[in-house]
C-alpha atoms as a PDB file:
ATOM      1  CA  MET A   1     -20.720 -32.320  18.927  1.00  0.00           C
ATOM      2  CA  ALA A   2     -17.381 -33.922  18.063  1.00  0.00           C
ATOM      3  CA  LYS A   3     -14.391 -32.890  20.115  1.00  0.00           C
ATOM      4  CA  GLU A   4     -12.072 -30.603  18.142  1.00  0.00           C
ATOM      5  CA  THR A   5      -8.618 -32.111  17.617  1.00  0.00           C
ATOM      6  CA  TYR A   6      -5.763 -29.808  18.490  1.00  0.00           C
ATOM      7  CA  PHE A   7      -1.998 -29.877  18.948  1.00  0.00           C
ATOM      8  CA  TYR A   8      -0.481 -28.489  22.129  1.00  0.00           C
ATOM      9  CA  ALA A   9       2.946 -27.023  22.867  1.00  0.00           C
ATOM     10  CA  LEU A  10       4.632 -24.894  25.504  1.00  0.00           C
ATOM     11  CA  GLY A  11       6.693 -21.819  24.671  1.00  0.00           C
ATOM     12  CA  ARG A  12       8.878 -19.760  26.995  1.00  0.00           C
ATOM     13  CA  ARG A  13      10.806 -16.509  26.701  1.00  0.00           C
ATOM     14  CA  LYS A  14      12.272 -14.342  29.474  1.00  0.00           C
ATOM     15  CA  SER A  15       9.737 -14.728  32.294  1.00  0.00           C
ATOM     16  CA  SER A  16       6.763 -15.487  29.999  1.00  0.00           C
ATOM     17  CA  THR A  17       5.184 -18.900  29.570  1.00  0.00           C
ATOM     18  CA  ALA A  18       2.665 -19.639  26.820  1.00  0.00           C
ATOM     19  CA  ARG A  19       0.487 -22.740  26.545  1.00  0.00           C
ATOM     20  CA  VAL A  20      -0.524 -22.927  22.890  1.00  0.00           C
ATOM     21  CA  ARG A  21      -3.144 -25.007  21.088  1.00  0.00           C
ATOM     22  CA  ILE A  22      -3.455 -25.010  17.301  1.00  0.00           C
ATOM     23  CA  MET A  23      -6.329 -26.512  15.342  1.00  0.00           C
ATOM     24  CA  ASN A  24      -7.634 -26.316  11.785  1.00  0.00           C
ATOM     25  CA  GLY A  25      -9.521 -23.091  11.201  1.00  0.00           C
ATOM     26  CA  LYS A  26      -9.534 -19.683   9.560  1.00  0.00           C
ATOM     27  CA  GLY A  27      -6.511 -17.995  11.155  1.00  0.00           C
ATOM     28  CA  VAL A  28      -8.127 -16.716  14.360  1.00  0.00           C
ATOM     29  CA  ILE A  29      -5.562 -16.117  17.120  1.00  0.00           C
ATOM     30  CA  THR A  30      -6.881 -15.864  20.685  1.00  0.00           C
ATOM     31  CA  VAL A  31      -4.655 -14.852  23.604  1.00  0.00           C
ATOM     32  CA  ASN A  32      -6.037 -15.270  27.145  1.00  0.00           C
ATOM     33  CA  ASP A  33      -9.586 -15.519  25.714  1.00  0.00           C
ATOM     34  CA  LYS A  34      -9.253 -12.206  23.831  1.00  0.00           C
ATOM     35  CA  PRO A  35      -8.562 -11.676  20.120  1.00  0.00           C
ATOM     36  CA  ALA A  36      -4.830 -11.095  19.566  1.00  0.00           C
ATOM     37  CA  GLU A  37      -5.605  -7.739  17.905  1.00  0.00           C
ATOM     38  CA  GLU A  38      -7.208  -6.581  21.152  1.00  0.00           C
ATOM     39  CA  TYR A  39      -4.617  -8.138  23.514  1.00  0.00           C
ATOM     40  CA  PHE A  40      -1.621  -6.725  21.599  1.00  0.00           C
ATOM     41  CA  ALA A  41      -3.424  -3.581  20.393  1.00  0.00           C
ATOM     42  CA  SER A  42      -0.383  -1.428  21.168  1.00  0.00           C
ATOM     43  CA  SER A  43       1.781  -2.833  18.367  1.00  0.00           C
ATOM     44  CA  LYS A  44       1.243  -4.100  14.825  1.00  0.00           C
ATOM     45  CA  THR A  45       4.776  -5.562  14.709  1.00  0.00           C
ATOM     46  CA  LEU A  46       3.950  -7.898  17.596  1.00  0.00           C
ATOM     47  CA  LEU A  47       0.900  -9.159  15.697  1.00  0.00           C
ATOM     48  CA  ASN A  48       3.049  -9.770  12.604  1.00  0.00           C
ATOM     49  CA  GLU A  49       5.508 -11.721  14.725  1.00  0.00           C
ATOM     50  CA  LEU A  50       2.734 -14.112  15.787  1.00  0.00           C
ATOM     51  CA  GLN A  51       2.164 -14.987  12.107  1.00  0.00           C
ATOM     52  CA  GLN A  52       5.828 -15.826  11.346  1.00  0.00           C
ATOM     53  CA  PRO A  53       5.653 -19.618  11.857  1.00  0.00           C
ATOM     54  CA  PHE A  54       2.682 -19.796   9.464  1.00  0.00           C
ATOM     55  CA  VAL A  55       4.413 -17.550   6.898  1.00  0.00           C
ATOM     56  CA  VAL A  56       7.501 -19.806   6.957  1.00  0.00           C
ATOM     57  CA  ILE A  57       5.438 -22.902   6.077  1.00  0.00           C
ATOM     58  CA  ASP A  58       3.035 -21.033   3.701  1.00  0.00           C
ATOM     59  CA  GLN A  59      -0.036 -21.912   5.786  1.00  0.00           C
ATOM     60  CA  VAL A  60      -1.313 -18.435   6.701  1.00  0.00           C
ATOM     61  CA  ASN A  61      -4.982 -18.384   7.833  1.00  0.00           C
ATOM     62  CA  LYS A  62      -5.274 -22.185   7.862  1.00  0.00           C
ATOM     63  CA  PHE A  63      -5.068 -22.706  11.648  1.00  0.00           C
ATOM     64  CA  ASP A  64      -6.777 -21.243  14.704  1.00  0.00           C
ATOM     65  CA  VAL A  65      -4.541 -20.580  17.698  1.00  0.00           C
ATOM     66  CA  SER A  66      -5.576 -20.457  21.339  1.00  0.00           C
ATOM     67  CA  ALA A  67      -2.882 -19.315  23.772  1.00  0.00           C
ATOM     68  CA  LYS A  68      -2.816 -18.872  27.535  1.00  0.00           C
ATOM     69  CA  VAL A  69       0.156 -16.725  28.468  1.00  0.00           C
ATOM     70  CA  THR A  70       1.459 -15.571  31.854  1.00  0.00           C
ATOM     71  CA  GLY A  71       4.326 -13.412  33.068  1.00  0.00           C
ATOM     72  CA  GLY A  72       6.584 -10.898  31.404  1.00  0.00           C
ATOM     73  CA  GLY A  73       5.745  -8.064  29.051  1.00  0.00           C
ATOM     74  CA  HIS A  74       4.121  -8.090  25.652  1.00  0.00           C
ATOM     75  CA  ALA A  75       7.346  -8.658  23.684  1.00  0.00           C
ATOM     76  CA  GLY A  76       8.336 -11.678  25.781  1.00  0.00           C
ATOM     77  CA  GLN A  77       4.794 -13.031  25.608  1.00  0.00           C
ATOM     78  CA  VAL A  78       4.712 -12.775  21.805  1.00  0.00           C
ATOM     79  CA  ASP A  79       8.040 -14.624  21.550  1.00  0.00           C
ATOM     80  CA  ALA A  80       6.748 -17.331  23.898  1.00  0.00           C
ATOM     81  CA  ILE A  81       3.550 -17.746  21.842  1.00  0.00           C
ATOM     82  CA  ARG A  82       5.531 -17.829  18.583  1.00  0.00           C
ATOM     83  CA  LEU A  83       7.754 -20.606  19.948  1.00  0.00           C
ATOM     84  CA  GLY A  84       4.672 -22.490  21.144  1.00  0.00           C
ATOM     85  CA  ILE A  85       3.042 -22.206  17.707  1.00  0.00           C
ATOM     86  CA  ALA A  86       6.200 -23.444  15.961  1.00  0.00           C
ATOM     87  CA  ARG A  87       6.543 -26.389  18.354  1.00  0.00           C
ATOM     88  CA  ALA A  88       2.875 -27.311  17.940  1.00  0.00           C
ATOM     89  CA  LEU A  89       3.240 -27.233  14.137  1.00  0.00           C
ATOM     90  CA  ALA A  90       6.312 -29.480  14.391  1.00  0.00           C
ATOM     91  CA  THR A  91       4.337 -31.888  16.595  1.00  0.00           C
ATOM     92  CA  MET A  92       1.449 -31.885  14.129  1.00  0.00           C
ATOM     93  CA  ASN A  93       3.592 -32.613  11.077  1.00  0.00           C
ATOM     94  CA  ALA A  94       7.164 -33.886  11.499  1.00  0.00           C
ATOM     95  CA  ASP A  95       7.992 -32.848   7.901  1.00  0.00           C
ATOM     96  CA  LEU A  96       7.634 -29.171   8.909  1.00  0.00           C
ATOM     97  CA  LYS A  97      10.236 -29.504  11.663  1.00  0.00           C
ATOM     98  CA  SER A  98      13.274 -29.014   9.405  1.00  0.00           C
ATOM     99  CA  THR A  99      11.682 -26.003   7.670  1.00  0.00           C
ATOM    100  CA  LEU A 100      10.871 -24.349  10.998  1.00  0.00           C
ATOM    101  CA  LYS A 101      14.313 -25.190  12.366  1.00  0.00           C
ATOM    102  CA  ARG A 102      16.042 -23.604   9.336  1.00  0.00           C
ATOM    103  CA  ALA A 103      13.959 -20.455   9.881  1.00  0.00           C
ATOM    104  CA  ASP A 104      15.168 -20.403  13.515  1.00  0.00           C
ATOM    105  CA  MET A 105      11.653 -20.796  14.945  1.00  0.00           C
ATOM    106  CA  LEU A 106      12.200 -23.842  17.172  1.00  0.00           C
ATOM    107  CA  GLY A 107      15.078 -22.558  19.307  1.00  0.00           C
ATOM    108  CA  ARG A 108      14.300 -21.101  22.714  1.00  0.00           C
ATOM    109  CA  ASP A 109      15.985 -17.765  23.406  1.00  0.00           C
ATOM    110  CA  PRO A 110      17.707 -18.498  26.745  1.00  0.00           C
ATOM    111  CA  ARG A 111      18.449 -14.887  27.728  1.00  0.00           C
ATOM    112  CA  GLU A 112      16.997 -13.992  31.122  1.00  0.00           C
ATOM    113  CA  LYS A 113      17.323 -10.917  33.276  1.00  0.00           C
ATOM    114  CA  GLU A 114      20.348 -11.176  35.553  1.00  0.00           C
ATOM    115  CA  ARG A 115      19.587 -11.009  39.249  1.00  0.00           C
ATOM    116  CA  LYS A 116      20.398  -7.908  41.249  1.00  0.00           C
ATOM    117  CA  LYS A 117      23.646  -8.087  43.211  1.00  0.00           C
ATOM    118  CA  PHE A 118      24.052  -6.879  46.802  1.00  0.00           C
ATOM    119  CA  GLY A 119      25.377  -3.333  47.086  1.00  0.00           C
ATOM    120  CA  LEU A 120      24.883  -2.595  43.401  1.00  0.00           C
ATOM    121  CA  LYS A 121      22.098  -1.053  41.333  1.00  0.00           C
ATOM    122  CA  GLY A 122      21.682  -3.992  38.971  1.00  0.00           C
ATOM    123  CA  GLY A 123      23.205  -7.238  37.766  1.00  0.00           C
ATOM    124  CA  LYS A 124      26.456  -6.335  36.008  1.00  0.00           C
ATOM    125  CA  GLY A 125      28.352  -4.258  38.532  1.00  0.00           C
ATOM    126  CA  PHE A 126      26.546  -0.990  37.918  1.00  0.00           C
ATOM    127  CA  GLY A 127      26.444   1.628  40.598  1.00  0.00           C
ATOM    128  CA  HIS A 128      30.038   2.055  41.811  1.00  0.00           C
ATOM    129  CA  GLY A 129      31.691   4.509  39.462  1.00  0.00           C
ATOM    130  CA  PRO A 130      34.684   6.805  39.892  1.00  0.00           C
END
């Protein structure tokens, strides 16, 4: 059995980290060894978001995706996987990089939760009102 060739990339968002592998296939997306439909069963919009990098390059259902994701909630995990997919596609074919960049798929969203401050309820000075 020949070893399947794949392209690997790392995606991050909030406190989620996704290790993504893409390979030629039929459009099967697996997240943590479960089908994406089962893993993100709560929301159809999250599943659509996973397809965005493929929609941008008109290659829907041409690649299989295997992702291992840790940390964060479902929304952050989907964004991390989407970034990983886009980066892996750019690694696979350098010509796709400009298309993905124009569609704003290759930029990492740097927003993180602000740490709690001493004596306050949250990060931004909440808790001491009039």
